[in-house]
Every structure is written in structure tokens, then in C-alpha cells.
Protein backbone atom coordinates (compact mmCIF):
# COMPACT_ATOMS: atom_id res chain seq x y z
CA MET A 1 70.29 8.48 -46.33
CA ALA A 2 72.76 10.92 -47.82
CA ASN A 3 71.96 13.28 -50.64
CA SER A 4 72.92 11.71 -53.99
CA GLU A 5 75.09 14.73 -54.67
CA THR A 6 77.19 14.27 -51.53
CA THR A 7 80.63 13.34 -52.81
CA VAL A 8 83.37 11.64 -50.81
CA LEU A 9 86.97 11.02 -51.86
CA ILE A 10 88.43 7.76 -50.54
CA VAL A 11 92.22 7.88 -50.27
CA ASP A 12 93.95 4.59 -49.42
CA ASP A 13 96.70 2.57 -51.08
CA GLU A 14 94.82 -0.69 -50.42
CA GLU A 15 92.30 -1.44 -53.14
CA ARG A 16 90.39 -3.78 -50.84
CA ILE A 17 89.72 -0.96 -48.38
CA ARG A 18 88.77 1.48 -51.12
CA ARG A 19 86.31 -1.00 -52.60
CA LEU A 20 84.79 -1.80 -49.20
CA LEU A 21 84.28 1.85 -48.31
CA HIS A 22 82.91 2.57 -51.78
CA LEU A 23 80.27 -0.14 -51.41
CA TYR A 24 79.13 1.07 -47.99
CA LEU A 25 79.09 4.73 -49.08
CA GLN A 26 77.13 3.82 -52.22
CA LYS A 27 74.61 1.89 -50.13
CA GLU A 28 74.03 5.03 -48.03
CA GLY A 29 73.52 7.24 -51.08
CA PHE A 30 76.96 8.85 -51.27
CA VAL A 31 78.88 9.34 -54.49
CA SER A 32 82.52 8.36 -54.05
CA GLU A 33 85.75 8.69 -55.95
CA GLU A 34 89.08 7.03 -55.18
CA ALA A 35 92.78 7.78 -55.07
CA GLU A 36 95.57 5.32 -54.24
CA ASP A 37 98.53 7.64 -53.65
CA GLY A 38 99.20 11.00 -52.05
CA ALA A 39 100.06 13.02 -55.15
CA THR A 40 96.91 11.96 -56.98
CA ALA A 41 94.77 12.58 -53.92
CA LEU A 42 96.15 16.08 -53.35
CA GLU A 43 95.55 17.06 -56.96
CA MET A 44 91.98 15.73 -56.86
CA ILE A 45 91.14 17.51 -53.61
CA LEU A 46 92.52 20.85 -54.75
CA ASN A 47 90.84 20.67 -58.14
CA SER A 48 87.43 19.35 -57.06
CA ASP A 49 84.76 20.23 -54.52
CA TYR A 50 84.30 17.16 -52.33
CA ASP A 51 81.98 17.18 -49.33
CA MET A 52 84.40 14.99 -47.37
CA VAL A 53 87.73 13.18 -47.65
CA LEU A 54 88.45 9.80 -46.05
CA LEU A 55 92.23 9.93 -45.83
CA ASP A 56 94.67 7.16 -44.94
CA LEU A 57 97.73 8.77 -43.34
CA MET A 58 100.22 6.13 -44.54
CA LEU A 59 100.43 6.69 -48.30
CA PRO A 60 103.09 6.26 -50.97
CA GLY A 61 104.62 9.52 -52.14
CA ILE A 62 103.00 12.39 -50.24
CA ASP A 63 101.76 11.18 -46.87
CA GLY A 64 98.42 12.05 -45.32
CA ILE A 65 99.80 14.67 -42.92
CA GLU A 66 101.35 16.67 -45.76
CA ILE A 67 98.11 16.40 -47.73
CA ILE A 68 96.15 17.87 -44.82
CA LYS A 69 98.62 20.73 -44.44
CA GLU A 70 98.47 21.60 -48.14
CA VAL A 71 94.69 21.30 -48.34
CA ARG A 72 94.18 23.53 -45.31
CA LYS A 73 96.03 26.35 -47.03
CA LYS A 74 93.19 26.58 -49.53
CA LYS A 75 90.15 24.55 -48.45
CA ASP A 76 88.09 23.64 -45.39
CA VAL A 77 86.72 20.33 -46.70
CA PRO A 78 86.07 17.93 -43.78
CA ILE A 79 88.82 15.31 -43.44
CA LEU A 80 88.38 11.99 -41.62
CA MET A 81 91.78 10.42 -40.96
CA ILE A 82 92.28 6.65 -41.24
CA THR A 83 95.17 5.45 -39.10
CA ALA A 84 96.70 2.22 -37.86
CA ARG A 85 96.24 1.27 -34.23
CA GLY A 86 98.95 2.73 -32.02
CA GLU A 87 99.69 5.75 -34.21
CA GLU A 88 98.64 8.24 -31.54
CA ALA A 89 101.44 10.68 -32.36
CA GLN A 90 100.33 10.71 -36.00
CA ARG A 91 96.72 11.36 -35.06
CA VAL A 92 97.73 14.29 -32.87
CA GLU A 93 99.84 15.63 -35.74
CA GLY A 94 96.87 15.20 -38.05
CA PHE A 95 94.62 17.21 -35.74
CA GLN A 96 97.29 19.89 -35.49
CA ALA A 97 97.42 20.03 -39.29
CA GLY A 98 93.65 20.50 -39.47
CA ALA A 99 91.92 17.10 -39.66
CA ASP A 100 88.41 16.84 -38.21
CA ASP A 101 88.31 13.30 -36.84
CA TYR A 102 89.97 9.90 -37.11
CA ILE A 103 89.15 6.23 -37.22
CA VAL A 104 91.50 3.34 -36.47
CA LYS A 105 92.24 0.27 -38.62
CA PRO A 106 90.87 -2.33 -38.53
CA PHE A 107 87.57 -0.50 -38.56
CA SER A 108 83.92 -1.28 -39.02
CA PRO A 109 82.62 0.25 -42.27
CA ARG A 110 79.40 1.07 -40.40
CA GLU A 111 81.40 3.16 -37.92
CA VAL A 112 83.05 5.04 -40.79
CA ILE A 113 79.63 5.83 -42.22
CA LEU A 114 78.30 7.00 -38.85
CA ARG A 115 81.31 9.24 -38.26
CA ALA A 116 81.10 10.61 -41.80
CA LYS A 117 77.41 11.41 -41.37
CA ALA A 118 78.08 13.08 -38.01
CA ILE A 119 80.72 15.33 -39.55
CA LEU A 120 78.55 16.18 -42.54
CA LYS A 121 75.62 16.95 -40.27
CA ARG A 122 77.76 19.50 -38.48
CA THR A 123 79.24 21.06 -41.57
CA LYS A 124 76.29 21.03 -43.95
CA ILE A 125 73.95 24.03 -43.76
CA ASN A 126 70.46 22.66 -44.07
CA GLU A 127 68.33 25.62 -43.04
CA PRO A 128 69.72 29.13 -43.53
CA SER A 129 69.42 31.46 -40.54
CA THR A 130 69.68 35.23 -40.32
CA VAL A 131 71.08 35.17 -36.77
CA VAL A 132 74.50 36.76 -36.34
CA LEU A 133 76.59 36.53 -33.19
CA SER A 134 78.16 39.94 -32.70
CA PHE A 135 80.89 40.93 -30.25
CA PRO A 136 83.47 43.73 -30.13
CA ASN A 137 85.63 43.24 -33.25
CA LEU A 138 84.11 39.81 -33.91
CA GLU A 139 81.13 38.60 -35.94
CA ILE A 140 80.03 35.01 -36.50
CA TYR A 141 77.54 34.12 -39.26
CA PRO A 142 76.31 30.56 -38.59
CA ASP A 143 74.41 30.18 -41.88
CA SER A 144 77.35 31.09 -44.10
CA ARG A 145 79.94 29.70 -41.68
CA LEU A 146 81.75 33.03 -41.83
CA VAL A 147 83.83 34.50 -39.02
CA LEU A 148 85.03 38.10 -39.23
CA ALA A 149 87.72 39.45 -36.90
CA GLU A 150 88.31 43.20 -37.23
CA GLY A 151 86.19 42.91 -40.38
CA GLU A 152 88.58 40.39 -41.93
CA PRO A 153 87.39 36.82 -42.73
CA LEU A 154 89.10 33.90 -41.03
CA THR A 155 89.95 30.67 -42.80
CA LEU A 156 88.85 28.00 -40.33
CA THR A 157 88.54 24.23 -40.56
CA PRO A 158 85.02 22.87 -39.98
CA LYS A 159 85.97 21.80 -36.46
CA GLU A 160 87.51 25.17 -35.60
CA PHE A 161 84.35 26.91 -36.76
CA GLU A 162 82.11 24.57 -34.74
CA LEU A 163 84.27 25.17 -31.67
CA ILE A 164 84.20 28.97 -31.77
CA LEU A 165 80.49 28.95 -32.62
CA TYR A 166 79.64 26.72 -29.66
CA LEU A 167 81.72 28.77 -27.24
CA ALA A 168 80.35 32.06 -28.56
CA GLN A 169 76.77 30.81 -28.24
CA ASN A 170 77.46 30.32 -24.53
CA PRO A 171 79.46 33.37 -23.42
CA GLU A 172 81.04 33.33 -19.95
CA LYS A 173 80.11 29.66 -19.43
CA VAL A 174 83.01 27.38 -18.53
CA PHE A 175 83.22 24.05 -20.38
CA THR A 176 85.39 21.09 -19.51
CA ARG A 177 87.28 19.35 -22.29
CA GLU A 178 84.97 16.36 -21.90
CA ILE A 179 81.88 18.51 -22.43
CA LEU A 180 83.41 20.22 -25.47
CA LEU A 181 84.22 16.84 -27.00
CA LYS A 182 80.66 15.68 -26.43
CA GLU A 183 78.92 18.85 -27.58
CA VAL A 184 81.18 19.94 -30.46
CA TRP A 185 82.04 16.49 -31.77
CA ARG A 186 78.47 15.42 -30.96
CA TYR A 187 78.98 11.71 -30.42
CA ASP A 188 80.85 9.50 -28.00
CA TYR A 189 84.49 10.33 -28.62
CA PHE A 190 87.23 8.04 -27.40
CA GLY A 191 90.18 10.16 -28.44
CA ASP A 192 92.70 12.10 -26.40
CA LEU A 193 91.38 15.15 -24.55
CA ARG A 194 94.37 17.00 -25.99
CA THR A 195 92.35 17.16 -29.20
CA VAL A 196 90.44 20.07 -27.65
CA ASP A 197 93.65 21.83 -26.62
CA THR A 198 95.05 21.42 -30.13
CA HIS A 199 92.00 22.98 -31.77
CA VAL A 200 91.85 25.83 -29.26
CA LYS A 201 95.53 26.56 -29.86
CA ARG A 202 95.09 26.67 -33.64
CA LEU A 203 91.96 28.79 -33.33
CA ARG A 204 93.71 31.29 -31.10
CA GLU A 205 96.67 31.50 -33.46
CA LYS A 206 94.39 32.33 -36.37
CA LEU A 207 92.49 34.91 -34.33
CA GLN A 208 95.76 36.40 -33.06
CA ARG A 209 96.94 37.11 -36.60
CA LYS A 210 93.77 39.11 -37.28
CA SER A 211 93.00 40.58 -33.88
CA PRO A 212 94.88 39.99 -30.59
CA SER A 213 91.92 41.37 -28.64
CA VAL A 214 89.58 38.77 -30.16
CA ALA A 215 92.06 35.96 -29.49
CA LYS A 216 91.90 36.85 -25.79
CA MET A 217 88.16 36.15 -25.78
CA ILE A 218 88.91 32.41 -25.66
CA VAL A 219 89.96 32.04 -22.06
CA THR A 220 91.68 29.07 -20.43
CA VAL A 221 90.15 28.23 -17.05
CA TRP A 222 93.04 26.43 -15.41
CA GLY A 223 92.21 22.98 -14.11
CA THR A 224 88.82 23.00 -15.79
CA GLY A 225 88.65 23.90 -19.47
CA TYR A 226 87.71 26.93 -21.56
CA LYS A 227 85.18 29.72 -21.84
CA PHE A 228 84.35 32.51 -24.26
CA SER A 229 84.58 35.89 -22.57
CA PRO A 230 83.82 38.79 -24.96
CA LEU A 231 85.59 42.03 -24.22
CA GLU A 232 83.40 44.56 -22.38
CA HIS A 233 80.97 41.63 -21.96
CA GLN A 234 78.88 42.92 -24.85
CA TYR A 235 76.79 40.25 -26.47
CA HIS A 236 73.79 40.36 -28.74
CA SER A 237 72.25 38.42 -31.58
CA GLY A 238 71.21 40.33 -34.64
CA SER A 239 70.33 39.89 -38.26
CA GLU A 240 72.51 40.03 -41.34
CA GLU A 241 70.15 42.73 -42.53
CA ASP A 242 70.67 44.89 -39.41
């Protein structure tokens, strides 16, 4: 059961779908609001603090991809894309823009709820921790979901943060794309393995702008996957109070 203060914005131009999702979210203890067009949705997201957005990509006015791009300039709210079957190119574009997951129409409302809960479980901080992952020119604070490169904070999407955290918690270990999908997404994922490549690329680009040396810590292992290789191989866990 979700916390009664967990708020979800449902964005879809079909009232029937909005009503259906609202009923299922309400049954699970979520508080939901609705928007039927892109312009309204974008304004609501930017001016409110939602815990999650369920976003149809095909919208009148501003489409879902543009909404994701604009939101990611200012917020890291989790976004679950809703797409029509066969729109693979759109889903890839959505991931590149910063979406966290997708679900395909026609969908089971129960599956939407399960995916929403899985994302919220990853992004909600239930028990604060004082552990800090510290590397040369890089610090990761799991409890506050803060990443500092050269002392400068990075603006990461929830999925980008989960990815760098998982890799950094396992330095020098090589992970296949399949393993990263399973461990970072944390449920059976039937999407394209390129999803991992897309998130790694965006993460590297953001790190590169702050610190080229830190960006190089995420290493491509050709034919296999990725690993986190801290410079000088220095790794230790500390406390925020250290």
C-alpha cells in the first residue's frame, strides 16, 4: 500500500484511461491528479512536486517527448512513459530524453501499478544512511541521492542515479547489459538492451561536463557490458560526518 501522500500525475488525452488509472491508483493508496494535454501537464509538473508522472507520449499540443526534455532541465521526478505498441523509436527517444520506464497500450492497470511501485521503491529514501561512496574527484551520497563531481553537484534522473550508484558499489566488476537491467531496473524487463547504453551515454555526458576524469571511470568492456573503474583504484566508504 502506498503512502497517502504519494502523488501521481496522470497525463493522457483519453478520459477513459485517466479514470481507469485513477481508480487503480486510489485503490492502492495513491493520490492522483490528471491532465489531458501537453501544455497543461508541463505547467502542472513544473509548478508542483509529484512523486511520479504517468505520461502518454502522444498528446495534443506539446507531445510527451518534449515534456520530458523540458522537465529534465529542472526536475528529476520519475516518469513512466505510456506508448502505443510498435512505437519503439519513440520509447528510445523517451529514454534518451530522460524517462525512467515505459508501458505499452493496451496495458493491464495492475502492471502499471507494479511498475510504478517498483520505480518509487527505488527512488524513495525510506531509511537514511550515513554511508558515502568516495572516489578521486567523485562522491556519491545514497541517502540524499547527491552526486558530486569535482565538488559540483550533478543533475541526474532517478535511473541515472541508480545506475551510477550500483556500478560504484561494485567497483572493477564487469556487468552485462542483461544484469544491469535486472539489478538496476529490479524486475523482469522486456525492453531493448540499448536502454542501458542510452543511460550510460547520458550519464557519461553529464559527468564529462563536470569532470572528464570521472567520466572515464565508467568503462565499456567491449562485447560484454560495463564496469566502474575508479582512477588510482582508490575506494572507501565513509560517513557524511567524516
